[in-house]
Amino acid sequence: QVQLVESGGGLVQVGDSLTLSCAASGGTFTYYAMGWFRQAPGKEREFVGAIAQQEGYIKHYAESVKGRFTISRDNVKNTVHLQMNDLKPEDTALYYCGAYGHKGRWHYDVADRYDYWGQGTQVTVSS
C-alpha cells in the first residue's frame, strides 16, 4: 500500500510560479511511474504530466501545460514535484498525484489506470 501526500498548493496571481510536491511512503517508489492530474469544480479529473520510473525519466505533458510545467522526481527522497510557471486562471484546480504500477503499455494520461492517489492540494490562480 502506497501513501501519497501532496503539498505546495496555494493562492497565487496570474503569471506566478508554484511548485507542488508529492511525498510517497509505504511502497517501493521506483516501481511506480508517477503522474499529476487536476480537477476543477464540475469537471472531470484531467491529466497534467507524468514521469516514468527511471531509465531516462521519460516525461509526458498535457498540451495545455507544455512549456510551462515541469515534472521531476527524486528516487532517493521518494518525492515527485510539479514546477508550474506562468500560471493562468484556467490552472485553478485541485491537484492530485498518482502512482502507476501497471506493466506493459503506459497509459499515463488515464486516471483509472493509476493505483494510488493522494488527497490533493488546491491551486487557485487569481486574475
Foldseek 3Di string as FASTA:
>chain_A
DKAKAKDWADEEAAFAKTKMKIAIDDDQLLLWKKFKWWDDPPGDIWGAKIWHSDPPTDMDGDPVQPPFWDWDADNVRRMIMIIGGRDDQVVWTWMKMFTARDDDDCPRTDPVRTDDIYPTDTHGYHD
